Amino acid sequence: MSDPLLRELDHYVVLEPGAPERILSAAETLAWLEARLAALPSLPADLQDLPGPGACARRLLETACELELEPGVAVQWFAVRLEPPGQ
């Protein structure tokens, strides 16, 4: 998510295997990511030096759109705009 405009978005569509897609607020998406990270046996290498689960979730939200939970099973999230700009 290198486009700074994407970081201004307040909602994300969340995709999980075997579940319907959901639209979450940015705060809900961060909490959802924190929960997924907490369930992992170990954090991905690029997150291990961060100070806590909140920082890890923020890093993922800003730099990625997928987290592998186990080999071949991943969750995804994508920024979406619910209203046109200026409304």
N, C-alpha and C. Protein backbone atom coordinates (compact mmCIF):
# COMPACT_ATOMS: atom_id res chain seq x y z
N MET A 1 0.82 -1.17 0.00
CA MET A 1 0.00 0.00 0.00
C MET A 1 0.87 1.24 0.00
N SER A 2 1.62 1.44 -1.03
CA SER A 2 2.54 2.56 -1.07
C SER A 2 1.85 3.88 -1.42
N ASP A 3 0.65 3.85 -1.96
CA ASP A 3 -0.08 5.06 -2.31
C ASP A 3 -0.59 5.71 -1.04
N PRO A 4 -0.17 6.96 -0.71
CA PRO A 4 -0.62 7.60 0.53
C PRO A 4 -2.13 7.79 0.59
N LEU A 5 -2.80 7.89 -0.55
CA LEU A 5 -4.25 8.04 -0.56
C LEU A 5 -4.92 6.81 0.06
N LEU A 6 -4.37 5.63 -0.17
CA LEU A 6 -4.96 4.42 0.39
C LEU A 6 -4.93 4.43 1.91
N ARG A 7 -3.90 5.00 2.50
CA ARG A 7 -3.80 5.02 3.96
C ARG A 7 -4.84 5.93 4.58
N GLU A 8 -5.46 6.83 3.79
CA GLU A 8 -6.49 7.71 4.30
C GLU A 8 -7.86 7.04 4.34
N LEU A 9 -7.98 5.87 3.75
CA LEU A 9 -9.27 5.19 3.70
C LEU A 9 -9.63 4.65 5.07
N ASP A 10 -10.91 4.62 5.33
CA ASP A 10 -11.38 4.22 6.65
C ASP A 10 -12.00 2.84 6.71
N HIS A 11 -12.08 2.14 5.57
CA HIS A 11 -12.72 0.84 5.56
C HIS A 11 -11.91 -0.16 4.73
N TYR A 12 -12.07 -1.43 5.09
CA TYR A 12 -11.36 -2.50 4.42
C TYR A 12 -12.32 -3.67 4.20
N VAL A 13 -12.17 -4.33 3.06
CA VAL A 13 -12.88 -5.58 2.85
C VAL A 13 -11.93 -6.67 3.34
N VAL A 14 -12.46 -7.59 4.14
CA VAL A 14 -11.66 -8.65 4.76
C VAL A 14 -12.12 -9.99 4.18
N LEU A 15 -11.15 -10.77 3.74
CA LEU A 15 -11.43 -12.08 3.15
C LEU A 15 -10.76 -13.16 3.98
N GLU A 16 -11.57 -14.12 4.44
CA GLU A 16 -11.07 -15.26 5.21
C GLU A 16 -11.57 -16.53 4.55
N PRO A 17 -10.73 -17.56 4.48
CA PRO A 17 -11.18 -18.82 3.88
C PRO A 17 -12.43 -19.35 4.58
N GLY A 18 -13.42 -19.74 3.80
CA GLY A 18 -14.63 -20.33 4.33
C GLY A 18 -15.60 -19.37 4.97
N ALA A 19 -15.36 -18.06 4.84
CA ALA A 19 -16.25 -17.07 5.44
C ALA A 19 -16.64 -16.04 4.39
N PRO A 20 -17.82 -15.44 4.53
CA PRO A 20 -18.20 -14.40 3.57
C PRO A 20 -17.32 -13.16 3.77
N GLU A 21 -17.16 -12.38 2.72
CA GLU A 21 -16.38 -11.15 2.85
C GLU A 21 -17.11 -10.20 3.79
N ARG A 22 -16.30 -9.42 4.50
CA ARG A 22 -16.85 -8.43 5.44
C ARG A 22 -16.21 -7.09 5.18
N ILE A 23 -16.93 -6.03 5.46
CA ILE A 23 -16.36 -4.69 5.40
C ILE A 23 -16.23 -4.21 6.83
N LEU A 24 -14.99 -3.85 7.19
CA LEU A 24 -14.68 -3.41 8.55
C LEU A 24 -14.12 -1.99 8.51
N SER A 25 -14.30 -1.27 9.60
CA SER A 25 -13.65 0.03 9.74
C SER A 25 -12.15 -0.20 9.90
N ALA A 26 -11.38 0.87 9.81
CA ALA A 26 -9.93 0.75 9.99
C ALA A 26 -9.61 0.21 11.39
N ALA A 27 -10.31 0.71 12.41
CA ALA A 27 -10.07 0.24 13.79
C ALA A 27 -10.44 -1.23 13.93
N GLU A 28 -11.56 -1.64 13.33
CA GLU A 28 -11.96 -3.04 13.39
C GLU A 28 -10.96 -3.93 12.64
N THR A 29 -10.43 -3.43 11.52
CA THR A 29 -9.45 -4.19 10.75
C THR A 29 -8.17 -4.38 11.55
N LEU A 30 -7.75 -3.33 12.26
CA LEU A 30 -6.57 -3.46 13.12
C LEU A 30 -6.79 -4.51 14.21
N ALA A 31 -7.95 -4.48 14.84
CA ALA A 31 -8.26 -5.46 15.88
C ALA A 31 -8.32 -6.87 15.29
N TRP A 32 -8.89 -7.00 14.10
CA TRP A 32 -8.97 -8.29 13.40
C TRP A 32 -7.56 -8.82 13.11
N LEU A 33 -6.68 -7.93 12.63
CA LEU A 33 -5.29 -8.34 12.36
C LEU A 33 -4.57 -8.74 13.64
N GLU A 34 -4.77 -7.98 14.70
CA GLU A 34 -4.14 -8.32 15.98
C GLU A 34 -4.56 -9.72 16.43
N ALA A 35 -5.84 -10.03 16.28
CA ALA A 35 -6.33 -11.36 16.68
C ALA A 35 -5.70 -12.45 15.83
N ARG A 36 -5.56 -12.21 14.53
CA ARG A 36 -4.95 -13.21 13.65
C ARG A 36 -3.48 -13.40 14.01
N LEU A 37 -2.79 -12.31 14.30
CA LEU A 37 -1.38 -12.41 14.68
C LEU A 37 -1.21 -13.15 16.01
N ALA A 38 -2.11 -12.90 16.95
CA ALA A 38 -2.03 -13.55 18.26
C ALA A 38 -2.21 -15.06 18.15
N ALA A 39 -2.93 -15.50 17.13
CA ALA A 39 -3.19 -16.93 16.97
C ALA A 39 -2.03 -17.67 16.27
N LEU A 40 -1.08 -16.92 15.73
CA LEU A 40 0.05 -17.56 15.05
C LEU A 40 1.05 -18.13 16.06
N PRO A 41 1.66 -19.25 15.74
CA PRO A 41 2.68 -19.79 16.65
C PRO A 41 3.90 -18.88 16.77
N SER A 42 4.23 -18.17 15.70
CA SER A 42 5.30 -17.17 15.74
C SER A 42 5.00 -16.10 14.71
N LEU A 43 5.47 -14.89 15.00
CA LEU A 43 5.24 -13.77 14.09
C LEU A 43 6.12 -13.89 12.85
N PRO A 44 5.66 -13.35 11.72
CA PRO A 44 6.53 -13.28 10.55
C PRO A 44 7.81 -12.52 10.91
N ALA A 45 8.89 -12.87 10.27
CA ALA A 45 10.21 -12.30 10.59
C ALA A 45 10.23 -10.78 10.55
N ASP A 46 9.52 -10.17 9.60
CA ASP A 46 9.57 -8.71 9.48
C ASP A 46 8.77 -7.99 10.57
N LEU A 47 8.04 -8.71 11.39
CA LEU A 47 7.28 -8.09 12.48
C LEU A 47 7.87 -8.35 13.85
N GLN A 48 8.83 -9.23 13.95
CA GLN A 48 9.34 -9.66 15.25
C GLN A 48 10.03 -8.56 16.04
N ASP A 49 10.55 -7.53 15.39
CA ASP A 49 11.25 -6.46 16.11
C ASP A 49 10.33 -5.33 16.54
N LEU A 50 9.06 -5.41 16.23
CA LEU A 50 8.13 -4.34 16.58
C LEU A 50 7.70 -4.47 18.04
N PRO A 51 7.33 -3.34 18.68
CA PRO A 51 7.10 -3.35 20.12
C PRO A 51 5.86 -4.06 20.64
N GLY A 52 4.90 -4.37 19.81
CA GLY A 52 3.71 -5.04 20.33
C GLY A 52 2.73 -5.39 19.24
N PRO A 53 1.62 -6.03 19.60
CA PRO A 53 0.65 -6.47 18.61
C PRO A 53 0.02 -5.33 17.82
N GLY A 54 -0.21 -4.20 18.47
CA GLY A 54 -0.77 -3.05 17.76
C GLY A 54 0.16 -2.54 16.68
N ALA A 55 1.43 -2.46 16.99
CA ALA A 55 2.43 -2.01 16.01
C ALA A 55 2.54 -3.00 14.86
N CYS A 56 2.46 -4.27 15.17
CA CYS A 56 2.52 -5.31 14.13
C CYS A 56 1.32 -5.20 13.20
N ALA A 57 0.14 -5.02 13.75
CA ALA A 57 -1.07 -4.90 12.95
C ALA A 57 -1.01 -3.66 12.08
N ARG A 58 -0.56 -2.53 12.64
CA ARG A 58 -0.44 -1.29 11.85
C ARG A 58 0.55 -1.47 10.69
N ARG A 59 1.67 -2.14 10.96
CA ARG A 59 2.66 -2.36 9.90
C ARG A 59 2.04 -3.18 8.77
N LEU A 60 1.32 -4.24 9.13
CA LEU A 60 0.66 -5.05 8.11
C LEU A 60 -0.36 -4.23 7.32
N LEU A 61 -1.16 -3.45 8.01
CA LEU A 61 -2.18 -2.66 7.34
C LEU A 61 -1.56 -1.68 6.36
N GLU A 62 -0.40 -1.13 6.69
CA GLU A 62 0.25 -0.13 5.85
C GLU A 62 1.10 -0.73 4.74
N THR A 63 1.53 -1.98 4.89
CA THR A 63 2.52 -2.50 3.94
C THR A 63 2.12 -3.78 3.22
N ALA A 64 1.03 -4.40 3.61
CA ALA A 64 0.69 -5.70 3.03
C ALA A 64 -0.82 -5.80 2.82
N CYS A 65 -1.25 -6.88 2.23
CA CYS A 65 -2.68 -7.15 2.08
C CYS A 65 -2.98 -8.62 2.28
N GLU A 66 -2.00 -9.38 2.80
CA GLU A 66 -2.21 -10.81 3.01
C GLU A 66 -1.35 -11.28 4.17
N LEU A 67 -1.90 -12.21 4.95
CA LEU A 67 -1.17 -12.84 6.04
C LEU A 67 -1.40 -14.33 5.94
N GLU A 68 -0.33 -15.08 5.82
CA GLU A 68 -0.44 -16.53 5.77
C GLU A 68 -0.57 -17.07 7.19
N LEU A 69 -1.68 -17.77 7.44
CA LEU A 69 -1.93 -18.34 8.77
C LEU A 69 -1.26 -19.69 8.94
N GLU A 70 -1.22 -20.44 7.86
CA GLU A 70 -0.53 -21.72 7.79
C GLU A 70 -0.28 -21.97 6.32
N PRO A 71 0.59 -22.91 5.98
CA PRO A 71 0.88 -23.13 4.56
C PRO A 71 -0.39 -23.34 3.74
N GLY A 72 -0.57 -22.50 2.75
CA GLY A 72 -1.72 -22.60 1.86
C GLY A 72 -3.00 -21.95 2.36
N VAL A 73 -2.98 -21.38 3.57
CA VAL A 73 -4.17 -20.72 4.13
C VAL A 73 -3.80 -19.29 4.51
N ALA A 74 -4.46 -18.33 3.87
CA ALA A 74 -4.14 -16.93 4.12
C ALA A 74 -5.42 -16.12 4.25
N VAL A 75 -5.31 -15.01 4.96
CA VAL A 75 -6.38 -14.02 5.03
C VAL A 75 -5.90 -12.80 4.25
N GLN A 76 -6.85 -12.05 3.73
CA GLN A 76 -6.51 -10.86 2.93
C GLN A 76 -7.39 -9.70 3.36
N TRP A 77 -6.90 -8.48 3.11
CA TRP A 77 -7.66 -7.27 3.37
C TRP A 77 -7.29 -6.24 2.32
N PHE A 78 -8.26 -5.46 1.92
CA PHE A 78 -8.06 -4.46 0.87
C PHE A 78 -8.80 -3.19 1.25
N ALA A 79 -8.15 -2.06 1.10
CA ALA A 79 -8.78 -0.78 1.38
C ALA A 79 -9.89 -0.53 0.37
N VAL A 80 -11.01 0.00 0.87
CA VAL A 80 -12.14 0.35 0.00
C VAL A 80 -12.66 1.71 0.40
N ARG A 81 -13.20 2.40 -0.58
CA ARG A 81 -13.83 3.70 -0.33
C ARG A 81 -15.33 3.48 -0.40
N LEU A 82 -16.04 3.81 0.68
CA LEU A 82 -17.47 3.62 0.72
C LEU A 82 -18.24 4.80 0.15
N GLU A 83 -17.68 5.99 0.21
CA GLU A 83 -18.31 7.18 -0.33
C GLU A 83 -17.33 7.87 -1.28
N PRO A 84 -17.84 8.50 -2.33
CA PRO A 84 -16.95 9.27 -3.19
C PRO A 84 -16.29 10.38 -2.39
N PRO A 85 -15.08 10.80 -2.76
CA PRO A 85 -14.40 11.89 -2.04
C PRO A 85 -15.27 13.14 -2.04
N GLY A 86 -15.24 13.87 -0.93
CA GLY A 86 -15.94 15.13 -0.82
C GLY A 86 -17.40 15.02 -0.44
N GLN A 87 -17.85 13.84 -0.06
CA GLN A 87 -19.26 13.71 0.33
C GLN A 87 -19.40 13.43 1.78
